[in-house]
């Protein structure tokens, strides 16, 4: 079982990857309504990354400075999707949000009591909100394209 600081660092890398991937999408997508959601989600992930850095340090670890292998993979997927257009790019972001939610849920069993409470009460609900915001955006776009 990973130590608390290792689990927190893994979550931190996921958040860093999310920020990088949202930044890539924001560079390619120019629709204001879409960008508003993407900016809000990116900022939420950035806030979580900052909090996780502090939590890793408090748990005795050294915070990750990069997203690692997951970030490289996410960038590759997002780069391909942004070439194809807005919907595929948003679809790849949604997959990342789903993966992030799964990571937070899986992490719950590997955290000490203090960090568990923070993840359960703050990070997990925030991850659900960013995922739900992206899902709503995709649903609105799908509904608009059917008109």
N, C-alpha and C. Protein backbone atom coordinates (compact mmCIF):
# COMPACT_ATOMS: atom_id res chain seq x y z
N UNK A 1 0.85 -1.18 0.00
CA UNK A 1 0.00 0.00 0.00
C UNK A 1 0.89 1.24 0.00
N UNK A 2 0.60 2.21 -0.87
CA UNK A 2 1.44 3.41 -0.92
C UNK A 2 1.31 4.23 0.37
N UNK A 3 2.38 4.91 0.71
CA UNK A 3 2.34 5.82 1.84
C UNK A 3 1.47 7.02 1.46
N UNK A 4 0.99 7.71 2.48
CA UNK A 4 0.13 8.87 2.24
C UNK A 4 0.79 9.87 1.30
N UNK A 5 2.05 10.20 1.54
CA UNK A 5 2.69 11.21 0.69
C UNK A 5 2.83 10.73 -0.75
N UNK A 6 3.04 9.43 -0.95
CA UNK A 6 3.11 8.88 -2.31
C UNK A 6 1.75 8.98 -3.00
N UNK A 7 0.69 8.66 -2.27
CA UNK A 7 -0.65 8.75 -2.84
C UNK A 7 -1.00 10.20 -3.17
N UNK A 8 -0.68 11.10 -2.26
CA UNK A 8 -0.94 12.52 -2.51
C UNK A 8 -0.14 13.01 -3.71
N UNK A 9 1.09 12.55 -3.84
CA UNK A 9 1.91 12.96 -4.99
C UNK A 9 1.33 12.43 -6.29
N UNK A 10 0.79 11.23 -6.26
CA UNK A 10 0.13 10.69 -7.45
C UNK A 10 -1.07 11.54 -7.84
N UNK A 11 -1.85 11.95 -6.84
CA UNK A 11 -2.99 12.84 -7.12
C UNK A 11 -2.50 14.19 -7.64
N UNK A 12 -1.41 14.68 -7.09
CA UNK A 12 -0.82 15.94 -7.54
C UNK A 12 -0.42 15.84 -9.01
N UNK A 13 0.22 14.74 -9.39
CA UNK A 13 0.60 14.57 -10.80
C UNK A 13 -0.62 14.56 -11.71
N UNK A 14 -1.70 13.94 -11.25
CA UNK A 14 -2.93 13.97 -12.03
C UNK A 14 -3.47 15.37 -12.21
N UNK A 15 -3.40 16.17 -11.15
CA UNK A 15 -3.87 17.56 -11.24
C UNK A 15 -2.97 18.39 -12.15
N UNK A 16 -1.67 18.19 -12.06
CA UNK A 16 -0.75 18.89 -12.96
C UNK A 16 -1.02 18.52 -14.41
N UNK A 17 -1.30 17.24 -14.64
CA UNK A 17 -1.64 16.78 -15.98
C UNK A 17 -2.93 17.44 -16.47
N UNK A 18 -3.91 17.55 -15.60
CA UNK A 18 -5.18 18.18 -15.98
C UNK A 18 -4.96 19.64 -16.36
N UNK A 19 -4.16 20.36 -15.57
CA UNK A 19 -3.89 21.77 -15.88
C UNK A 19 -3.21 21.88 -17.24
N UNK A 20 -2.21 21.05 -17.49
CA UNK A 20 -1.50 21.08 -18.77
C UNK A 20 -2.45 20.78 -19.93
N UNK A 21 -3.32 19.80 -19.75
CA UNK A 21 -4.22 19.39 -20.81
C UNK A 21 -5.27 20.47 -21.08
N UNK A 22 -5.80 21.07 -20.03
CA UNK A 22 -6.74 22.18 -20.22
C UNK A 22 -6.05 23.35 -20.92
N UNK A 23 -4.80 23.64 -20.57
CA UNK A 23 -4.08 24.71 -21.24
C UNK A 23 -3.94 24.44 -22.74
N UNK A 24 -3.66 23.19 -23.09
CA UNK A 24 -3.57 22.83 -24.51
C UNK A 24 -4.90 23.07 -25.22
N UNK A 25 -5.98 22.65 -24.59
CA UNK A 25 -7.30 22.83 -25.20
C UNK A 25 -7.63 24.32 -25.34
N UNK A 26 -7.28 25.09 -24.34
CA UNK A 26 -7.57 26.53 -24.38
C UNK A 26 -6.79 27.24 -25.49
N UNK A 27 -5.62 26.71 -25.83
CA UNK A 27 -4.85 27.29 -26.93
C UNK A 27 -5.52 27.05 -28.28
N UNK A 28 -6.26 25.96 -28.41
CA UNK A 28 -6.84 25.57 -29.70
C UNK A 28 -8.31 25.94 -29.86
N UNK A 29 -9.05 25.97 -28.77
CA UNK A 29 -10.49 26.21 -28.84
C UNK A 29 -10.75 27.69 -28.60
N UNK A 30 -11.49 28.31 -29.50
CA UNK A 30 -11.70 29.75 -29.42
C UNK A 30 -13.15 30.16 -29.14
N UNK A 31 -14.02 29.21 -28.91
CA UNK A 31 -15.42 29.53 -28.64
C UNK A 31 -15.56 30.06 -27.21
N UNK A 32 -16.04 31.30 -27.04
CA UNK A 32 -16.09 31.92 -25.71
C UNK A 32 -16.86 31.11 -24.67
N UNK A 33 -18.01 30.56 -25.00
CA UNK A 33 -18.80 29.81 -24.02
C UNK A 33 -18.06 28.55 -23.58
N UNK A 34 -17.38 27.91 -24.51
CA UNK A 34 -16.61 26.71 -24.20
C UNK A 34 -15.41 27.09 -23.35
N UNK A 35 -14.72 28.15 -23.75
CA UNK A 35 -13.52 28.57 -23.01
C UNK A 35 -13.84 28.95 -21.57
N UNK A 36 -15.01 29.53 -21.33
CA UNK A 36 -15.38 29.91 -19.96
C UNK A 36 -15.41 28.67 -19.05
N UNK A 37 -15.97 27.59 -19.54
CA UNK A 37 -16.02 26.34 -18.77
C UNK A 37 -14.62 25.77 -18.62
N UNK A 38 -13.86 25.77 -19.69
CA UNK A 38 -12.51 25.22 -19.64
C UNK A 38 -11.62 25.99 -18.66
N UNK A 39 -11.73 27.32 -18.67
CA UNK A 39 -10.95 28.13 -17.74
C UNK A 39 -11.32 27.84 -16.30
N UNK A 40 -12.61 27.76 -16.03
CA UNK A 40 -13.06 27.48 -14.67
C UNK A 40 -12.55 26.12 -14.19
N UNK A 41 -12.65 25.11 -15.06
CA UNK A 41 -12.16 23.78 -14.70
C UNK A 41 -10.65 23.77 -14.50
N UNK A 42 -9.93 24.43 -15.40
CA UNK A 42 -8.47 24.48 -15.28
C UNK A 42 -8.06 25.13 -13.96
N UNK A 43 -8.73 26.22 -13.63
CA UNK A 43 -8.40 26.92 -12.39
C UNK A 43 -8.71 26.07 -11.17
N UNK A 44 -9.77 25.30 -11.21
CA UNK A 44 -10.12 24.40 -10.12
C UNK A 44 -9.02 23.34 -9.95
N UNK A 45 -8.57 22.77 -11.06
CA UNK A 45 -7.48 21.79 -11.00
C UNK A 45 -6.19 22.43 -10.49
N UNK A 46 -5.92 23.65 -10.89
CA UNK A 46 -4.73 24.36 -10.44
C UNK A 46 -4.78 24.61 -8.93
N UNK A 47 -5.95 24.99 -8.44
CA UNK A 47 -6.11 25.19 -7.00
C UNK A 47 -5.86 23.89 -6.23
N UNK A 48 -6.39 22.78 -6.76
CA UNK A 48 -6.18 21.50 -6.10
C UNK A 48 -4.71 21.12 -6.11
N UNK A 49 -4.03 21.40 -7.23
CA UNK A 49 -2.60 21.08 -7.31
C UNK A 49 -1.82 21.86 -6.24
N UNK A 50 -2.15 23.11 -6.06
CA UNK A 50 -1.48 23.93 -5.05
C UNK A 50 -1.71 23.37 -3.65
N UNK A 51 -2.95 23.00 -3.36
CA UNK A 51 -3.27 22.42 -2.05
C UNK A 51 -2.56 21.08 -1.86
N UNK A 52 -2.52 20.27 -2.91
CA UNK A 52 -1.86 18.97 -2.81
C UNK A 52 -0.36 19.12 -2.59
N UNK A 53 0.26 20.13 -3.19
CA UNK A 53 1.69 20.37 -2.94
C UNK A 53 1.94 20.57 -1.45
N UNK A 54 1.09 21.38 -0.82
CA UNK A 54 1.23 21.62 0.62
C UNK A 54 1.00 20.36 1.42
N UNK A 55 0.02 19.57 1.01
CA UNK A 55 -0.31 18.34 1.72
C UNK A 55 0.83 17.32 1.62
N UNK A 56 1.45 17.22 0.44
CA UNK A 56 2.58 16.31 0.27
C UNK A 56 3.71 16.72 1.20
N UNK A 57 4.01 18.01 1.23
CA UNK A 57 5.08 18.51 2.10
C UNK A 57 4.75 18.23 3.56
N UNK A 58 3.51 18.50 3.96
CA UNK A 58 3.10 18.27 5.35
C UNK A 58 3.18 16.80 5.73
N UNK A 59 3.00 15.92 4.74
CA UNK A 59 3.07 14.47 5.00
C UNK A 59 4.50 13.95 4.97
N UNK A 60 5.46 14.84 4.72
CA UNK A 60 6.87 14.44 4.74
C UNK A 60 7.46 14.12 3.39
N UNK A 61 6.72 14.39 2.32
CA UNK A 61 7.22 14.09 0.99
C UNK A 61 7.70 15.33 0.25
N UNK A 62 8.24 15.11 -0.93
CA UNK A 62 8.65 16.19 -1.82
C UNK A 62 7.64 16.26 -2.96
N UNK A 63 6.94 17.40 -3.10
CA UNK A 63 5.90 17.50 -4.14
C UNK A 63 6.46 17.32 -5.55
N UNK A 64 5.72 16.59 -6.35
CA UNK A 64 6.07 16.42 -7.77
C UNK A 64 6.04 17.78 -8.45
N UNK A 65 6.95 17.98 -9.38
CA UNK A 65 7.01 19.24 -10.13
C UNK A 65 6.46 19.09 -11.54
N UNK A 66 6.21 17.83 -11.95
CA UNK A 66 5.68 17.60 -13.30
C UNK A 66 4.61 16.53 -13.23
N UNK A 67 3.90 16.41 -14.33
CA UNK A 67 2.80 15.45 -14.39
C UNK A 67 3.28 14.04 -14.70
N UNK A 68 4.54 13.88 -15.04
CA UNK A 68 5.09 12.56 -15.28
C UNK A 68 4.53 11.88 -16.52
N UNK A 69 4.52 10.57 -16.51
CA UNK A 69 4.09 9.79 -17.67
C UNK A 69 2.64 10.04 -18.03
N UNK A 70 1.76 10.19 -17.02
CA UNK A 70 0.35 10.45 -17.32
C UNK A 70 0.19 11.76 -18.06
N UNK A 71 1.00 12.75 -17.70
CA UNK A 71 0.92 14.04 -18.38
C UNK A 71 1.34 13.93 -19.83
N UNK A 72 2.38 13.18 -20.08
CA UNK A 72 2.84 12.99 -21.47
C UNK A 72 1.77 12.29 -22.29
N UNK A 73 1.15 11.28 -21.71
CA UNK A 73 0.08 10.57 -22.41
C UNK A 73 -1.12 11.49 -22.65
N UNK A 74 -1.50 12.25 -21.63
CA UNK A 74 -2.64 13.16 -21.76
C UNK A 74 -2.38 14.21 -22.84
N UNK A 75 -1.16 14.72 -22.90
CA UNK A 75 -0.82 15.71 -23.92
C UNK A 75 -0.93 15.11 -25.31
N UNK A 76 -0.48 13.89 -25.46
CA UNK A 76 -0.55 13.22 -26.76
C UNK A 76 -2.00 13.04 -27.19
N UNK A 77 -2.83 12.58 -26.28
CA UNK A 77 -4.26 12.37 -26.60
C UNK A 77 -4.91 13.70 -26.92
N UNK A 78 -4.67 14.71 -26.10
CA UNK A 78 -5.30 16.02 -26.30
C UNK A 78 -4.81 16.66 -27.60
N UNK A 79 -3.54 16.50 -27.92
CA UNK A 79 -3.00 17.08 -29.16
C UNK A 79 -3.72 16.49 -30.37
N UNK A 80 -3.91 15.19 -30.37
CA UNK A 80 -4.64 14.55 -31.47
C UNK A 80 -6.08 15.00 -31.52
N UNK A 81 -6.70 15.14 -30.38
CA UNK A 81 -8.10 15.54 -30.34
C UNK A 81 -8.29 16.98 -30.79
N UNK A 82 -7.39 17.88 -30.40
CA UNK A 82 -7.57 19.27 -30.77
C UNK A 82 -7.39 19.47 -32.28
N UNK A 83 -6.60 18.62 -32.90
CA UNK A 83 -6.46 18.69 -34.36
C UNK A 83 -7.80 18.36 -35.03
N UNK A 84 -8.54 17.45 -34.43
CA UNK A 84 -9.81 17.01 -34.99
C UNK A 84 -10.97 17.96 -34.70
N UNK A 85 -10.85 18.83 -33.72
CA UNK A 85 -11.89 19.80 -33.44
C UNK A 85 -12.31 19.83 -31.98
N UNK A 86 -13.29 20.70 -31.71
CA UNK A 86 -13.73 20.96 -30.35
C UNK A 86 -14.31 19.74 -29.67
N UNK A 87 -15.23 19.05 -30.31
CA UNK A 87 -15.88 17.91 -29.65
C UNK A 87 -14.91 16.80 -29.26
N UNK A 88 -14.00 16.38 -30.16
CA UNK A 88 -13.03 15.37 -29.74
C UNK A 88 -12.12 15.86 -28.61
N UNK A 89 -11.75 17.13 -28.64
CA UNK A 89 -10.90 17.68 -27.57
C UNK A 89 -11.65 17.63 -26.24
N UNK A 90 -12.92 18.02 -26.26
CA UNK A 90 -13.71 17.98 -25.03
C UNK A 90 -13.94 16.54 -24.58
N UNK A 91 -14.08 15.64 -25.54
CA UNK A 91 -14.24 14.23 -25.20
C UNK A 91 -13.01 13.69 -24.48
N UNK A 92 -11.82 14.08 -24.93
CA UNK A 92 -10.62 13.60 -24.26
C UNK A 92 -10.48 14.24 -22.88
N UNK A 93 -10.91 15.49 -22.73
CA UNK A 93 -10.90 16.11 -21.41
C UNK A 93 -11.88 15.40 -20.47
N UNK A 94 -13.02 15.00 -21.00
CA UNK A 94 -14.01 14.29 -20.18
C UNK A 94 -13.44 12.96 -19.70
N UNK A 95 -12.72 12.25 -20.58
CA UNK A 95 -12.08 11.00 -20.18
C UNK A 95 -11.08 11.26 -19.06
N UNK A 96 -10.35 12.35 -19.15
CA UNK A 96 -9.41 12.71 -18.10
C UNK A 96 -10.12 13.02 -16.79
N UNK A 97 -11.26 13.70 -16.88
CA UNK A 97 -12.05 13.99 -15.67
C UNK A 97 -12.55 12.70 -15.04
N UNK A 98 -13.00 11.76 -15.86
CA UNK A 98 -13.45 10.46 -15.34
C UNK A 98 -12.30 9.74 -14.65
N UNK A 99 -11.14 9.76 -15.28
CA UNK A 99 -9.96 9.11 -14.70
C UNK A 99 -9.58 9.78 -13.39
N UNK A 100 -9.67 11.10 -13.34
CA UNK A 100 -9.37 11.82 -12.11
C UNK A 100 -10.31 11.44 -10.98
N UNK A 101 -11.58 11.31 -11.31
CA UNK A 101 -12.56 10.90 -10.31
C UNK A 101 -12.25 9.50 -9.79
N UNK A 102 -11.92 8.60 -10.70
CA UNK A 102 -11.54 7.24 -10.29
C UNK A 102 -10.29 7.26 -9.40
N UNK A 103 -9.33 8.12 -9.73
CA UNK A 103 -8.10 8.21 -8.94
C UNK A 103 -8.38 8.69 -7.52
N UNK A 104 -9.24 9.69 -7.40
CA UNK A 104 -9.58 10.18 -6.06
C UNK A 104 -10.30 9.11 -5.26
N UNK A 105 -11.22 8.41 -5.88
CA UNK A 105 -11.94 7.35 -5.16
C UNK A 105 -10.99 6.24 -4.72
N UNK A 106 -10.08 5.85 -5.60
CA UNK A 106 -9.12 4.79 -5.28
C UNK A 106 -8.15 5.23 -4.18
N UNK A 107 -7.83 6.51 -4.15
CA UNK A 107 -6.88 7.02 -3.17
C UNK A 107 -7.42 6.98 -1.74
N UNK A 108 -8.72 6.98 -1.60
CA UNK A 108 -9.32 7.06 -0.27
C UNK A 108 -8.81 5.97 0.68
N UNK A 109 -8.55 4.79 0.15
CA UNK A 109 -8.11 3.68 1.02
C UNK A 109 -6.63 3.77 1.38
N UNK A 110 -5.91 4.71 0.77
CA UNK A 110 -4.46 4.80 1.00
C UNK A 110 -4.03 6.08 1.72
N UNK A 111 -4.98 6.75 2.36
CA UNK A 111 -4.66 8.02 3.01
C UNK A 111 -4.85 7.92 4.52
N UNK A 112 -4.06 8.70 5.24
CA UNK A 112 -4.27 8.78 6.68
C UNK A 112 -5.56 9.57 6.95
N UNK A 113 -6.00 9.56 8.20
CA UNK A 113 -7.30 10.15 8.54
C UNK A 113 -7.41 11.63 8.18
N UNK A 114 -6.37 12.40 8.45
CA UNK A 114 -6.42 13.85 8.19
C UNK A 114 -6.58 14.12 6.70
N UNK A 115 -5.75 13.50 5.88
CA UNK A 115 -5.80 13.72 4.44
C UNK A 115 -7.04 13.09 3.82
N UNK A 116 -7.50 12.00 4.37
CA UNK A 116 -8.72 11.37 3.90
C UNK A 116 -9.89 12.33 4.00
N UNK A 117 -9.99 13.01 5.13
CA UNK A 117 -11.10 13.96 5.32
C UNK A 117 -11.05 15.09 4.30
N UNK A 118 -9.86 15.60 4.01
CA UNK A 118 -9.72 16.69 3.04
C UNK A 118 -10.11 16.20 1.64
N UNK A 119 -9.63 15.04 1.27
CA UNK A 119 -9.94 14.51 -0.06
C UNK A 119 -11.44 14.24 -0.19
N UNK A 120 -12.02 13.63 0.85
CA UNK A 120 -13.45 13.32 0.80
C UNK A 120 -14.33 14.56 0.77
N UNK A 121 -13.98 15.56 1.57
CA UNK A 121 -14.86 16.72 1.70
C UNK A 121 -14.58 17.84 0.70
N UNK A 122 -13.37 17.88 0.15
CA UNK A 122 -12.99 18.98 -0.73
C UNK A 122 -12.67 18.51 -2.15
N UNK A 123 -11.66 17.65 -2.28
CA UNK A 123 -11.18 17.30 -3.61
C UNK A 123 -12.14 16.43 -4.41
N UNK A 124 -12.70 15.44 -3.78
CA UNK A 124 -13.62 14.55 -4.50
C UNK A 124 -14.85 15.31 -5.01
N UNK A 125 -15.52 16.13 -4.18
CA UNK A 125 -16.65 16.91 -4.70
C UNK A 125 -16.22 17.90 -5.80
N UNK A 126 -15.03 18.49 -5.65
CA UNK A 126 -14.55 19.42 -6.68
C UNK A 126 -14.30 18.68 -7.99
N UNK A 127 -13.75 17.48 -7.90
CA UNK A 127 -13.52 16.68 -9.11
C UNK A 127 -14.86 16.33 -9.77
N UNK A 128 -15.86 16.01 -8.97
CA UNK A 128 -17.18 15.72 -9.53
C UNK A 128 -17.75 16.95 -10.22
N UNK A 129 -17.53 18.14 -9.67
CA UNK A 129 -18.04 19.37 -10.28
C UNK A 129 -17.36 19.65 -11.62
N UNK A 130 -16.02 19.46 -11.70
CA UNK A 130 -15.35 19.72 -12.97
C UNK A 130 -15.79 18.71 -14.03
N UNK A 131 -15.95 17.47 -13.62
CA UNK A 131 -16.44 16.45 -14.56
C UNK A 131 -17.86 16.79 -15.01
N UNK A 132 -18.73 17.14 -14.08
CA UNK A 132 -20.12 17.45 -14.42
C UNK A 132 -20.22 18.67 -15.32
N UNK A 133 -19.38 19.67 -15.09
CA UNK A 133 -19.39 20.86 -15.93
C UNK A 133 -19.01 20.51 -17.37
N UNK A 134 -18.04 19.64 -17.52
CA UNK A 134 -17.62 19.23 -18.86
C UNK A 134 -18.69 18.38 -19.52
N UNK A 135 -19.33 17.49 -18.75
CA UNK A 135 -20.41 16.67 -19.30
C UNK A 135 -21.57 17.56 -19.76
N UNK A 136 -21.92 18.57 -18.97
CA UNK A 136 -23.01 19.48 -19.35
C UNK A 136 -22.65 20.23 -20.63
N UNK A 137 -21.41 20.65 -20.74
CA UNK A 137 -20.96 21.34 -21.95
C UNK A 137 -21.09 20.43 -23.17
N UNK A 138 -20.65 19.19 -23.05
CA UNK A 138 -20.77 18.23 -24.15
C UNK A 138 -22.23 17.98 -24.52
N UNK A 139 -23.09 17.84 -23.51
CA UNK A 139 -24.52 17.62 -23.77
C UNK A 139 -25.15 18.81 -24.47
N UNK A 140 -24.79 20.03 -24.05
CA UNK A 140 -25.32 21.25 -24.69
C UNK A 140 -24.85 21.34 -26.14
N UNK A 141 -23.60 21.00 -26.38
CA UNK A 141 -23.09 21.04 -27.74
C UNK A 141 -23.80 20.00 -28.62
N UNK A 142 -24.04 18.83 -28.07
CA UNK A 142 -24.74 17.78 -28.82
C UNK A 142 -26.17 18.21 -29.13
N UNK A 143 -26.84 18.82 -28.16
CA UNK A 143 -28.20 19.27 -28.37
C UNK A 143 -28.25 20.39 -29.41
N UNK A 144 -27.27 21.29 -29.36
CA UNK A 144 -27.21 22.40 -30.33
C UNK A 144 -26.96 21.89 -31.75
N UNK A 145 -26.17 20.86 -31.87
CA UNK A 145 -25.87 20.34 -33.22
C UNK A 145 -27.04 19.60 -33.84
N UNK A 146 -28.00 19.19 -33.02
CA UNK A 146 -29.17 18.49 -33.54
C UNK A 146 -30.27 19.44 -34.01
N UNK A 147 -30.12 20.71 -33.69
CA UNK A 147 -31.14 21.71 -34.08
C UNK A 147 -31.05 22.05 -35.53
